[in-house]
Amino acid sequence: MKIWITGGAGFLGRRLTAALVQQGHQILSLSKRGSTTANESVSIDLAREKERLNSLAAESGQPDVVIHCAARQPGRYTLPEFVKGNILPTVNLIEALRSSPPKQIIYTSTLSVYSQSNRLPFTEDHPASSSLAYAATKRWAEQLLETFRDPQVTVLRLPSLYGKGQDDSFIDGLAQLALRGEDLELFSRGTVLREALHVSDVIRAIQTCIDKPPAEQFCVMNLGTGRKISTLEYAEVLVEALGSKSRVVLSDRAASQFDCYADIQRARNMIGFQPSELKESLRTYTHELQA
């Protein structure tokens, strides 16, 4: 199968490319940085090089699947920077593919689109109205893809991802402290609920979507752990998996994050999604770090 991956040199894109190449798919990576694992790699700025993207689509022919992973990740960026990283690449991709659309587009969105609520877990029908620029632009990109009616579009709303090579996630931050034997300070006394998945769980979900696309023309699915997990539980299981001497310190200082717990029943029903157990995932992660 001929597959395009935008952001193929990013954290998720690199691992996804390697997994799909191993399965025998022909992968074209579209990213600012070159990919060493794709069958073909094009270094391109999807926000700026619109005409080049149009030419590439005309010359290389119709892909079977496009996996749109390219994004400006959360951080201290301005709204224009998030628009450039999340909106313009999506618009340009849709326009380039309009004359010869793929059979399916898979878009990696985020659980951050959901607004704060005491009503948990978040279902896909929960209001998506975050005031954060990152979340807002990811939501706008979802809506833009909903206007692209020719291919089947699958939107996967992802939690924080972790794995070797990821430097700025919640789990990876804790792991670096634990590897140094430093204290793991948890705000709000470790009671905040968080969603985090090892990247391999997401790759399996994407592979399933490729093999058996959802029946809905436009399908939105949450991915997550499937249960309530506090920051304290993450920290304790991680310290045990790493064999670390770090202490878990519970602080009364209020956490900036609100509780996040996703309902994943739709993904279970539609693609048979089954997240790994936390201990299993963190053991896998530990082995990666120690390899």
C-alpha atoms as a PDB file:
ATOM      1  CA  MET A   1       0.000   0.000   0.000  1.00  0.00           C
ATOM      2  CA  LYS A   2       1.246   3.486  -0.853  1.00  0.00           C
ATOM      3  CA  ILE A   3       1.186   5.678   2.249  1.00  0.00           C
ATOM      4  CA  TRP A   4       2.173   9.287   2.859  1.00  0.00           C
ATOM      5  CA  ILE A   5       3.177  10.314   6.385  1.00  0.00           C
ATOM      6  CA  THR A   6       3.436  14.011   7.182  1.00  0.00           C
ATOM      7  CA  GLY A   7       5.808  14.694  10.035  1.00  0.00           C
ATOM      8  CA  GLY A   8       7.554  11.429   9.222  1.00  0.00           C
ATOM      9  CA  ALA A   9      10.741  12.552  10.985  1.00  0.00           C
ATOM     10  CA  GLY A  10       8.980  13.425  14.248  1.00  0.00           C
ATOM     11  CA  PHE A  11       8.682  11.239  17.333  1.00  0.00           C
ATOM     12  CA  LEU A  12       5.500   9.402  16.320  1.00  0.00           C
ATOM     13  CA  GLY A  13       6.280   9.660  12.598  1.00  0.00           C
ATOM     14  CA  ARG A  14       9.679   7.946  12.890  1.00  0.00           C
ATOM     15  CA  ARG A  15       8.320   4.971  14.771  1.00  0.00           C
ATOM     16  CA  LEU A  16       5.223   4.722  12.611  1.00  0.00           C
ATOM     17  CA  THR A  17       7.300   4.821   9.421  1.00  0.00           C
ATOM     18  CA  ALA A  18       9.570   2.026  10.633  1.00  0.00           C
ATOM     19  CA  ALA A  19       6.594  -0.148  11.622  1.00  0.00           C
ATOM     20  CA  LEU A  20       4.758   0.318   8.307  1.00  0.00           C
ATOM     21  CA  VAL A  21       7.873  -0.230   6.177  1.00  0.00           C
ATOM     22  CA  GLN A  22       8.426  -3.486   8.068  1.00  0.00           C
ATOM     23  CA  GLN A  23       4.875  -4.504   7.132  1.00  0.00           C
ATOM     24  CA  GLY A  24       5.726  -4.006   3.462  1.00  0.00           C
ATOM     25  CA  HIS A  25       4.024  -0.670   2.800  1.00  0.00           C
ATOM     26  CA  GLN A  26       5.626   1.940   0.527  1.00  0.00           C
ATOM     27  CA  ILE A  27       6.134   4.997   2.703  1.00  0.00           C
ATOM     28  CA  LEU A  28       6.710   8.566   1.545  1.00  0.00           C
ATOM     29  CA  SER A  29       7.756  10.840   4.411  1.00  0.00           C
ATOM     30  CA  LEU A  30       6.911  14.544   4.154  1.00  0.00           C
ATOM     31  CA  SER A  31       8.720  16.482   6.855  1.00  0.00           C
ATOM     32  CA  LYS A  32      11.073  19.403   7.364  1.00  0.00           C
ATOM     33  CA  ARG A  33      13.763  16.893   8.275  1.00  0.00           C
ATOM     34  CA  GLY A  34      14.624  13.887   6.168  1.00  0.00           C
ATOM     35  CA  SER A  35      13.561  10.390   7.186  1.00  0.00           C
ATOM     36  CA  THR A  36      16.141   7.598   7.203  1.00  0.00           C
ATOM     37  CA  THR A  37      13.548   4.814   7.493  1.00  0.00           C
ATOM     38  CA  ALA A  38      10.990   5.724   4.787  1.00  0.00           C
ATOM     39  CA  ASN A  39      11.169   4.260   1.273  1.00  0.00           C
ATOM     40  CA  GLU A  40      11.195   7.836   0.014  1.00  0.00           C
ATOM     41  CA  SER A  41      11.740  11.050   1.938  1.00  0.00           C
ATOM     42  CA  VAL A  42      10.957  14.618   0.906  1.00  0.00           C
ATOM     43  CA  SER A  43      12.201  17.493   3.055  1.00  0.00           C
ATOM     44  CA  ILE A  44       9.440  20.079   2.785  1.00  0.00           C
ATOM     45  CA  ASP A  45       7.820  22.871   4.796  1.00  0.00           C
ATOM     46  CA  LEU A  46       4.142  22.022   4.373  1.00  0.00           C
ATOM     47  CA  ALA A  47       3.060  25.469   5.553  1.00  0.00           C
ATOM     48  CA  ARG A  48       5.220  27.440   3.089  1.00  0.00           C
ATOM     49  CA  GLU A  49       5.839  25.223   0.064  1.00  0.00           C
ATOM     50  CA  LYS A  50       2.293  24.901  -1.255  1.00  0.00           C
ATOM     51  CA  GLU A  51       3.215  24.787  -4.952  1.00  0.00           C
ATOM     52  CA  ARG A  52       5.899  22.195  -4.350  1.00  0.00           C
ATOM     53  CA  LEU A  53       3.381  20.042  -2.500  1.00  0.00           C
ATOM     54  CA  ASN A  54       0.935  20.394  -5.399  1.00  0.00           C
ATOM     55  CA  SER A  55       3.630  19.297  -7.846  1.00  0.00           C
ATOM     56  CA  LEU A  56       4.579  16.354  -5.675  1.00  0.00           C
ATOM     57  CA  ALA A  57       0.960  15.185  -5.532  1.00  0.00           C
ATOM     58  CA  ALA A  58       0.649  15.466  -9.325  1.00  0.00           C
ATOM     59  CA  GLU A  59       3.937  13.689 -10.048  1.00  0.00           C
ATOM     60  CA  SER A  60       3.903  10.870  -7.492  1.00  0.00           C
ATOM     61  CA  GLY A  61       0.309   9.820  -8.040  1.00  0.00           C
ATOM     62  CA  GLN A  62      -2.511   9.043  -5.667  1.00  0.00           C
ATOM     63  CA  PRO A  63      -1.566   7.588  -2.273  1.00  0.00           C
ATOM     64  CA  ASP A  64      -3.855   4.956  -0.772  1.00  0.00           C
ATOM     65  CA  VAL A  65      -3.601   6.460   2.708  1.00  0.00           C
ATOM     66  CA  VAL A  66      -2.327   9.749   4.134  1.00  0.00           C
ATOM     67  CA  ILE A  67      -1.386   9.852   7.825  1.00  0.00           C
ATOM     68  CA  HIS A  68      -1.237  13.480   8.890  1.00  0.00           C
ATOM     69  CA  CYS A  69       1.074  13.673  11.922  1.00  0.00           C
ATOM     70  CA  ALA A  70       2.834  16.976  11.203  1.00  0.00           C
ATOM     71  CA  ALA A  71       2.059  19.521  13.920  1.00  0.00           C
ATOM     72  CA  ARG A  72       3.357  22.296  16.112  1.00  0.00           C
ATOM     73  CA  GLN A  73       3.593  20.613  19.490  1.00  0.00           C
ATOM     74  CA  PRO A  74       2.472  22.279  22.749  1.00  0.00           C
ATOM     75  CA  GLY A  75       4.795  24.911  24.115  1.00  0.00           C
ATOM     76  CA  ARG A  76       5.273  28.629  24.554  1.00  0.00           C
ATOM     77  CA  TYR A  77       4.437  29.545  20.982  1.00  0.00           C
ATOM     78  CA  THR A  78       2.229  32.331  19.662  1.00  0.00           C
ATOM     79  CA  LEU A  79      -1.114  31.819  17.959  1.00  0.00           C
ATOM     80  CA  PRO A  80       0.393  32.609  14.505  1.00  0.00           C
ATOM     81  CA  GLU A  81       3.044  29.943  15.117  1.00  0.00           C
ATOM     82  CA  PHE A  82       0.363  27.367  15.960  1.00  0.00           C
ATOM     83  CA  VAL A  83      -1.643  28.406  12.878  1.00  0.00           C
ATOM     84  CA  LYS A  84       1.470  27.967  10.755  1.00  0.00           C
ATOM     85  CA  GLY A  85       2.230  24.571  12.287  1.00  0.00           C
ATOM     86  CA  ASN A  86      -1.271  23.067  12.516  1.00  0.00           C
ATOM     87  CA  ILE A  87      -3.635  24.889  10.143  1.00  0.00           C
ATOM     88  CA  LEU A  88      -1.634  25.824   7.037  1.00  0.00           C
ATOM     89  CA  PRO A  89      -0.150  22.323   6.508  1.00  0.00           C
ATOM     90  CA  THR A  90      -3.665  20.856   6.750  1.00  0.00           C
ATOM     91  CA  VAL A  91      -5.134  23.359   4.281  1.00  0.00           C
ATOM     92  CA  ASN A  92      -2.281  22.859   1.802  1.00  0.00           C
ATOM     93  CA  LEU A  93      -2.488  19.076   2.111  1.00  0.00           C
ATOM     94  CA  ILE A  94      -6.238  19.073   1.408  1.00  0.00           C
ATOM     95  CA  GLU A  95      -5.800  21.306  -1.645  1.00  0.00           C
ATOM     96  CA  ALA A  96      -2.909  19.239  -3.022  1.00  0.00           C
ATOM     97  CA  LEU A  97      -4.931  16.017  -2.711  1.00  0.00           C
ATOM     98  CA  ARG A  98      -8.261  17.378  -3.900  1.00  0.00           C
ATOM     99  CA  SER A  99      -7.844  16.386  -7.564  1.00  0.00           C
ATOM    100  CA  SER A 100      -6.663  12.883  -6.675  1.00  0.00           C
ATOM    101  CA  PRO A 101      -7.805  12.088  -3.119  1.00  0.00           C
ATOM    102  CA  PRO A 102      -6.570   9.054  -1.185  1.00  0.00           C
ATOM    103  CA  LYS A 103      -8.930   6.396   0.058  1.00  0.00           C
ATOM    104  CA  GLN A 104      -8.305   7.402   3.659  1.00  0.00           C
ATOM    105  CA  ILE A 105      -6.799  10.205   5.746  1.00  0.00           C
ATOM    106  CA  ILE A 106      -5.809   9.497   9.349  1.00  0.00           C
ATOM    107  CA  TYR A 107      -5.262  12.610  11.445  1.00  0.00           C
ATOM    108  CA  THR A 108      -3.499  12.524  14.808  1.00  0.00           C
ATOM    109  CA  SER A 109      -5.306  15.091  16.941  1.00  0.00           C
ATOM    110  CA  THR A 110      -5.287  15.504  20.723  1.00  0.00           C
ATOM    111  CA  LEU A 111      -7.417  15.005  23.826  1.00  0.00           C
ATOM    112  CA  SER A 112      -6.453  18.591  24.665  1.00  0.00           C
ATOM    113  CA  VAL A 113      -9.338  19.785  22.474  1.00  0.00           C
ATOM    114  CA  TYR A 114     -11.755  19.023  25.320  1.00  0.00           C
ATOM    115  CA  SER A 115     -12.782  21.763  27.715  1.00  0.00           C
ATOM    116  CA  GLN A 116     -12.428  21.358  31.477  1.00  0.00           C
ATOM    117  CA  SER A 117     -15.332  19.564  33.079  1.00  0.00           C
ATOM    118  CA  ASN A 118     -16.313  17.674  36.207  1.00  0.00           C
ATOM    119  CA  ARG A 119     -18.185  15.239  33.977  1.00  0.00           C
ATOM    120  CA  LEU A 120     -15.728  12.436  33.260  1.00  0.00           C
ATOM    121  CA  PRO A 121     -14.745  10.530  31.247  1.00  0.00           C
ATOM    122  CA  PHE A 122     -14.621  12.684  28.116  1.00  0.00           C
ATOM    123  CA  THR A 123     -16.604  11.151  25.284  1.00  0.00           C
ATOM    124  CA  GLU A 124     -16.189  12.224  21.668  1.00  0.00           C
ATOM    125  CA  ASP A 125     -19.372  14.309  22.088  1.00  0.00           C
ATOM    126  CA  HIS A 126     -17.898  16.338  24.940  1.00  0.00           C
ATOM    127  CA  PRO A 127     -17.535  20.065  24.086  1.00  0.00           C
ATOM    128  CA  ALA A 128     -14.309  20.718  22.196  1.00  0.00           C
ATOM    129  CA  SER A 129     -13.726  24.326  23.101  1.00  0.00           C
ATOM    130  CA  SER A 130     -10.316  24.691  24.710  1.00  0.00           C
ATOM    131  CA  SER A 131      -8.972  28.236  24.947  1.00  0.00           C
ATOM    132  CA  LEU A 132      -5.382  27.056  24.427  1.00  0.00           C
ATOM    133  CA  ALA A 133      -3.946  28.002  21.024  1.00  0.00           C
ATOM    134  CA  TYR A 134      -2.455  24.532  20.475  1.00  0.00           C
ATOM    135  CA  ALA A 135      -5.749  22.748  21.183  1.00  0.00           C
ATOM    136  CA  ALA A 136      -7.812  25.273  19.233  1.00  0.00           C
ATOM    137  CA  THR A 137      -5.708  24.909  16.084  1.00  0.00           C
ATOM    138  CA  LYS A 138      -5.778  21.116  16.311  1.00  0.00           C
ATOM    139  CA  ARG A 139      -9.575  21.311  16.559  1.00  0.00           C
ATOM    140  CA  TRP A 140      -9.725  23.671  13.560  1.00  0.00           C
ATOM    141  CA  ALA A 141      -7.651  21.186  11.585  1.00  0.00           C
ATOM    142  CA  GLU A 142     -10.168  18.463  12.449  1.00  0.00           C
ATOM    143  CA  GLN A 143     -12.976  20.664  11.136  1.00  0.00           C
ATOM    144  CA  LEU A 144     -11.075  21.428   7.935  1.00  0.00           C
ATOM    145  CA  LEU A 145     -10.644  17.713   7.280  1.00  0.00           C
ATOM    146  CA  GLU A 146     -14.368  17.210   7.851  1.00  0.00           C
ATOM    147  CA  THR A 147     -14.969  19.389   4.771  1.00  0.00           C
ATOM    148  CA  PHE A 148     -12.849  17.025   2.650  1.00  0.00           C
ATOM    149  CA  ARG A 149     -15.637  14.640   1.690  1.00  0.00           C
ATOM    150  CA  ASP A 150     -13.970  12.373  -0.882  1.00  0.00           C
ATOM    151  CA  PRO A 151     -11.732  10.204   1.334  1.00  0.00           C
ATOM    152  CA  GLN A 152     -12.712   8.439   4.517  1.00  0.00           C
ATOM    153  CA  VAL A 153     -11.301  10.565   7.380  1.00  0.00           C
ATOM    154  CA  THR A 154     -10.349   9.124  10.757  1.00  0.00           C
ATOM    155  CA  VAL A 155      -9.444  11.511  13.568  1.00  0.00           C
ATOM    156  CA  LEU A 156      -7.592   9.961  16.504  1.00  0.00           C
ATOM    157  CA  ARG A 157      -7.587  12.166  19.588  1.00  0.00           C
ATOM    158  CA  LEU A 158      -4.386  11.187  21.363  1.00  0.00           C
ATOM    159  CA  PRO A 159      -3.181  11.645  24.928  1.00  0.00           C
ATOM    160  CA  SER A 160       0.394  12.492  25.874  1.00  0.00           C
ATOM    161  CA  LEU A 161       2.735   9.942  24.283  1.00  0.00           C
ATOM    162  CA  TYR A 162       5.929   8.554  25.739  1.00  0.00           C
ATOM    163  CA  GLY A 163       8.804   6.389  24.534  1.00  0.00           C
ATOM    164  CA  LYS A 164      12.537   6.639  24.009  1.00  0.00           C
ATOM    165  CA  GLY A 165      13.277   9.720  21.925  1.00  0.00           C
ATOM    166  CA  GLN A 166      10.434  11.780  23.350  1.00  0.00           C
ATOM    167  CA  ASP A 167      11.831  14.516  25.564  1.00  0.00           C
ATOM    168  CA  ASP A 168       8.955  16.714  26.649  1.00  0.00           C
ATOM    169  CA  SER A 169       6.069  14.525  27.807  1.00  0.00           C
ATOM    170  CA  PHE A 170       4.828  14.085  31.362  1.00  0.00           C
ATOM    171  CA  ILE A 171       6.152  10.520  31.639  1.00  0.00           C
ATOM    172  CA  ASP A 172       9.512  11.302  30.055  1.00  0.00           C
ATOM    173  CA  GLY A 173      10.010  14.212  32.444  1.00  0.00           C
ATOM    174  CA  LEU A 174       9.405  11.935  35.424  1.00  0.00           C
ATOM    175  CA  ALA A 175      11.700   9.277  33.957  1.00  0.00           C
ATOM    176  CA  GLN A 176      14.633  11.665  33.612  1.00  0.00           C
ATOM    177  CA  LEU A 177      14.304  12.648  37.269  1.00  0.00           C
ATOM    178  CA  ALA A 178      13.989   9.013  38.338  1.00  0.00           C
ATOM    179  CA  LEU A 179      17.063   7.980  36.346  1.00  0.00           C
ATOM    180  CA  ARG A 180      19.061  10.639  38.214  1.00  0.00           C
ATOM    181  CA  GLY A 181      17.604   9.553  41.548  1.00  0.00           C
ATOM    182  CA  GLU A 182      16.012  12.946  42.140  1.00  0.00           C
ATOM    183  CA  ASP A 183      12.735  13.590  43.939  1.00  0.00           C
ATOM    184  CA  LEU A 184       9.534  13.382  41.871  1.00  0.00           C
ATOM    185  CA  GLU A 185       7.426  16.281  43.093  1.00  0.00           C
ATOM    186  CA  LEU A 186       3.746  15.904  42.265  1.00  0.00           C
ATOM    187  CA  PHE A 187       1.469  18.929  42.515  1.00  0.00           C
ATOM    188  CA  SER A 188      -2.055  18.654  43.968  1.00  0.00           C
ATOM    189  CA  ARG A 189      -0.664  15.761  46.021  1.00  0.00           C
ATOM    190  CA  GLY A 190      -0.592  13.492  42.988  1.00  0.00           C
ATOM    191  CA  THR A 191      -4.368  13.353  42.636  1.00  0.00           C
ATOM    192  CA  VAL A 192      -4.621  14.822  39.114  1.00  0.00           C
ATOM    193  CA  LEU A 193      -5.885  12.351  36.519  1.00  0.00           C
ATOM    194  CA  ARG A 194      -3.743  12.160  33.376  1.00  0.00           C
ATOM    195  CA  GLU A 195      -3.880  10.226  30.118  1.00  0.00           C
ATOM    196  CA  ALA A 196      -0.615   8.910  28.698  1.00  0.00           C
ATOM    197  CA  LEU A 197       0.116   6.046  26.295  1.00  0.00           C
ATOM    198  CA  HIS A 198       3.268   4.375  25.099  1.00  0.00           C
ATOM    199  CA  VAL A 199       3.703   5.258  21.440  1.00  0.00           C
ATOM    200  CA  SER A 200       3.421   1.582  20.416  1.00  0.00           C
ATOM    201  CA  ASP A 201      -0.272   1.536  21.424  1.00  0.00           C
ATOM    202  CA  VAL A 202      -0.997   4.395  19.024  1.00  0.00           C
ATOM    203  CA  ILE A 203       0.944   2.753  16.210  1.00  0.00           C
ATOM    204  CA  ARG A 204      -1.138  -0.410  16.602  1.00  0.00           C
ATOM    205  CA  ALA A 205      -4.319   1.661  16.451  1.00  0.00           C
ATOM    206  CA  ILE A 206      -3.183   3.391  13.249  1.00  0.00           C
ATOM    207  CA  GLN A 207      -2.212   0.065  11.676  1.00  0.00           C
ATOM    208  CA  THR A 208      -5.689  -1.269  12.418  1.00  0.00           C
ATOM    209  CA  CYS A 209      -7.301   1.813  10.857  1.00  0.00           C
ATOM    210  CA  ILE A 210      -5.238   1.232   7.706  1.00  0.00           C
ATOM    211  CA  ASP A 211      -6.177  -2.438   7.481  1.00  0.00           C
ATOM    212  CA  LYS A 212      -9.845  -1.968   8.395  1.00  0.00           C
ATOM    213  CA  PRO A 213     -10.980   1.661   8.006  1.00  0.00           C
ATOM    214  CA  PRO A 214     -13.974   2.669  10.145  1.00  0.00           C
ATOM    215  CA  ALA A 215     -17.301   2.507   8.325  1.00  0.00           C
ATOM    216  CA  GLU A 216     -18.141   6.147   9.097  1.00  0.00           C
ATOM    217  CA  GLN A 217     -17.119   8.664   6.437  1.00  0.00           C
ATOM    218  CA  PHE A 218     -15.814  10.997   9.155  1.00  0.00           C
ATOM    219  CA  CYS A 219     -14.894   9.203  12.353  1.00  0.00           C
ATOM    220  CA  VAL A 220     -13.532  10.686  15.595  1.00  0.00           C
ATOM    221  CA  MET A 221     -12.120   8.346  18.255  1.00  0.00           C
ATOM    222  CA  ASN A 222     -10.454   8.902  21.609  1.00  0.00           C
ATOM    223  CA  LEU A 223      -7.400   6.844  22.492  1.00  0.00           C
ATOM    224  CA  GLY A 224      -6.325   6.490  26.103  1.00  0.00           C
ATOM    225  CA  THR A 225      -5.737   4.129  28.992  1.00  0.00           C
ATOM    226  CA  GLY A 226      -9.392   3.251  29.527  1.00  0.00           C
ATOM    227  CA  ARG A 227      -9.306   3.937  33.260  1.00  0.00           C
ATOM    228  CA  LYS A 228      -8.611   6.658  35.816  1.00  0.00           C
ATOM    229  CA  ILE A 229      -4.877   6.964  36.497  1.00  0.00           C
ATOM    230  CA  SER A 230      -3.498   9.623  38.823  1.00  0.00           C
ATOM    231  CA  THR A 231      -0.085  11.231  38.547  1.00  0.00           C
ATOM    232  CA  LEU A 232       0.803   9.413  41.781  1.00  0.00           C
ATOM    233  CA  GLU A 233       0.121   6.010  40.214  1.00  0.00           C
ATOM    234  CA  TYR A 234       2.190   6.876  37.134  1.00  0.00           C
ATOM    235  CA  ALA A 235       5.093   7.999  39.318  1.00  0.00           C
ATOM    236  CA  GLU A 236       5.022   4.982  41.653  1.00  0.00           C
ATOM    237  CA  VAL A 237       4.840   2.438  38.833  1.00  0.00           C
ATOM    238  CA  LEU A 238       7.614   4.220  36.910  1.00  0.00           C
ATOM    239  CA  VAL A 239       9.959   4.375  39.921  1.00  0.00           C
ATOM    240  CA  GLU A 240       9.391   0.655  40.522  1.00  0.00           C
ATOM    241  CA  ALA A 241       9.958  -0.236  36.840  1.00  0.00           C
ATOM    242  CA  LEU A 242      13.215   1.719  36.727  1.00  0.00           C
ATOM    243  CA  GLY A 243      14.414   0.407  40.081  1.00  0.00           C
ATOM    244  CA  SER A 244      15.004   4.049  41.020  1.00  0.00           C
ATOM    245  CA  LYS A 245      15.907   5.390  44.455  1.00  0.00           C
ATOM    246  CA  SER A 246      13.827   8.520  43.823  1.00  0.00           C
ATOM    247  CA  ARG A 247      11.261   9.631  46.386  1.00  0.00           C
ATOM    248  CA  VAL A 248       7.747  10.558  45.307  1.00  0.00           C
ATOM    249  CA  VAL A 249       6.991  13.860  47.043  1.00  0.00           C
ATOM    250  CA  LEU A 250       3.388  15.032  47.301  1.00  0.00           C
ATOM    251  CA  SER A 251       3.073  18.806  47.105  1.00  0.00           C
ATOM    252  CA  ASP A 252       0.083  20.955  48.066  1.00  0.00           C
ATOM    253  CA  ARG A 253       0.934  23.308  45.210  1.00  0.00           C
ATOM    254  CA  ALA A 254      -1.946  23.316  42.714  1.00  0.00           C
ATOM    255  CA  ALA A 255      -1.309  21.605  39.389  1.00  0.00           C
ATOM    256  CA  SER A 256      -1.917  23.646  36.247  1.00  0.00           C
ATOM    257  CA  GLN A 257      -3.557  20.699  34.459  1.00  0.00           C
ATOM    258  CA  PHE A 258      -7.164  19.684  34.961  1.00  0.00           C
ATOM    259  CA  ASP A 259      -8.314  16.073  35.240  1.00  0.00           C
ATOM    260  CA  CYS A 260      -8.285  14.214  31.920  1.00  0.00           C
ATOM    261  CA  TYR A 261      -9.847  10.778  31.555  1.00  0.00           C
ATOM    262  CA  ALA A 262     -11.084   9.652  28.137  1.00  0.00           C
ATOM    263  CA  ASP A 263     -13.873   7.272  27.232  1.00  0.00           C
ATOM    264  CA  ILE A 264     -12.362   4.896  24.659  1.00  0.00           C
ATOM    265  CA  GLN A 265     -15.388   2.663  24.081  1.00  0.00           C
ATOM    266  CA  ARG A 266     -15.838   3.890  20.505  1.00  0.00           C
ATOM    267  CA  ALA A 267     -12.258   2.908  19.635  1.00  0.00           C
ATOM    268  CA  ARG A 268     -12.784  -0.456  21.326  1.00  0.00           C
ATOM    269  CA  ASN A 269     -15.927  -1.068  19.271  1.00  0.00           C
ATOM    270  CA  MET A 270     -14.738   0.265  15.911  1.00  0.00           C
ATOM    271  CA  ILE A 271     -11.096  -0.865  15.725  1.00  0.00           C
ATOM    272  CA  GLY A 272     -10.772  -3.266  18.643  1.00  0.00           C
ATOM    273  CA  PHE A 273      -8.421  -0.885  20.451  1.00  0.00           C
ATOM    274  CA  GLN A 274      -6.978  -2.383  23.624  1.00  0.00           C
ATOM    275  CA  PRO A 275      -4.402  -0.269  25.474  1.00  0.00           C
ATOM    276  CA  SER A 276      -1.539  -1.987  27.228  1.00  0.00           C
ATOM    277  CA  GLU A 277      -1.669  -2.165  31.011  1.00  0.00           C
ATOM    278  CA  LEU A 278       0.305   0.591  32.718  1.00  0.00           C
ATOM    279  CA  LYS A 279       2.896  -1.730  34.263  1.00  0.00           C
ATOM    280  CA  GLU A 280       3.455  -3.464  30.928  1.00  0.00           C
ATOM    281  CA  SER A 281       3.836  -0.146  29.069  1.00  0.00           C
ATOM    282  CA  LEU A 282       6.275   1.288  31.597  1.00  0.00           C
ATOM    283  CA  ARG A 283       8.316  -1.924  31.587  1.00  0.00           C
ATOM    284  CA  THR A 284       8.557  -1.593  27.797  1.00  0.00           C
ATOM    285  CA  TYR A 285       9.623   2.026  28.189  1.00  0.00           C
ATOM    286  CA  THR A 286      12.177   1.091  30.856  1.00  0.00           C
ATOM    287  CA  HIS A 287      13.727  -1.513  28.570  1.00  0.00           C
ATOM    288  CA  GLU A 288      14.003   1.114  25.815  1.00  0.00           C
ATOM    289  CA  LEU A 289      15.801   3.536  28.121  1.00  0.00           C
ATOM    290  CA  GLN A 290      18.157   0.890  29.450  1.00  0.00           C
ATOM    291  CA  ALA A 291      18.959  -0.691  26.080  1.00  0.00           C
END
